[in-house]
Amino acid sequence: MTVLVVATGNPGKLREMQTYLSDKGWKLQLKPPELDIEETEDTFVANACLKASAVAQATGEWAIADDSGLEVDALDGAPGIYSARYGNTDSERIERLLRELGEEDNRGAQFVCVVAIARPDGAIALQVEGICRGEILQTPRGTGGFGYDPIFYVPEQGLTFAEMTPEMKRRYSHRGKAFEALLPQLSQLA
């Protein structure tokens, strides 16, 4: 099995990636805790590539990184790459977003996820993007998920991400779509 270092210190993200990559011949492991990569770029693509490349070079192993966030049409794509830093907690981020949207009629939004894989020398071997279109509700619904999930409504499913089962969310989410694009190409790498 080829080691694939996940450019995160979050065991939850490692577990989530393992569900997508199980039985693909890769052994996932967290990046070393002392390795901290600051997201200094201004796009999801550039941040994912930056993290994957830095972790690969530091560890001498294949590395995978993702960068994702919410883009709201009426807010000119905000919070975008700042989605995780839009407040100190999930509820603060949701409150700020709803306050900024106010009574705006255009509630269109999309979750974006970019996944990048770097070779041990840091060269980017593969990058994919997944997008899930939806709408921002005026009040949260559901108890599952995290982040903006309770206010991100997917009309085709009639549910917010927070109301979906984990399996359903994996299938329809931006991250699920990115991994769906990644998997057919992954077998050609190692």
Foldseek 3Di string as FASTA:
>chain_A
DFEEEELDPDVVVQVVVCVLCPPVPYDYDYQPPVDDDDQPDDAFQVSQLSSQLSSLQVVLGKYKYKQKAKAWVVVVGPPHSCQPVCDDFLVSSLVVVLVVCDPPPRFKMKIKMKMWMAHSNSHTPDIFMFIAIFGFANDFDAQADGRSQRGGARVVVRHGNRHDDPVVCLCRHGVVRRSVVVSVVVSVPD
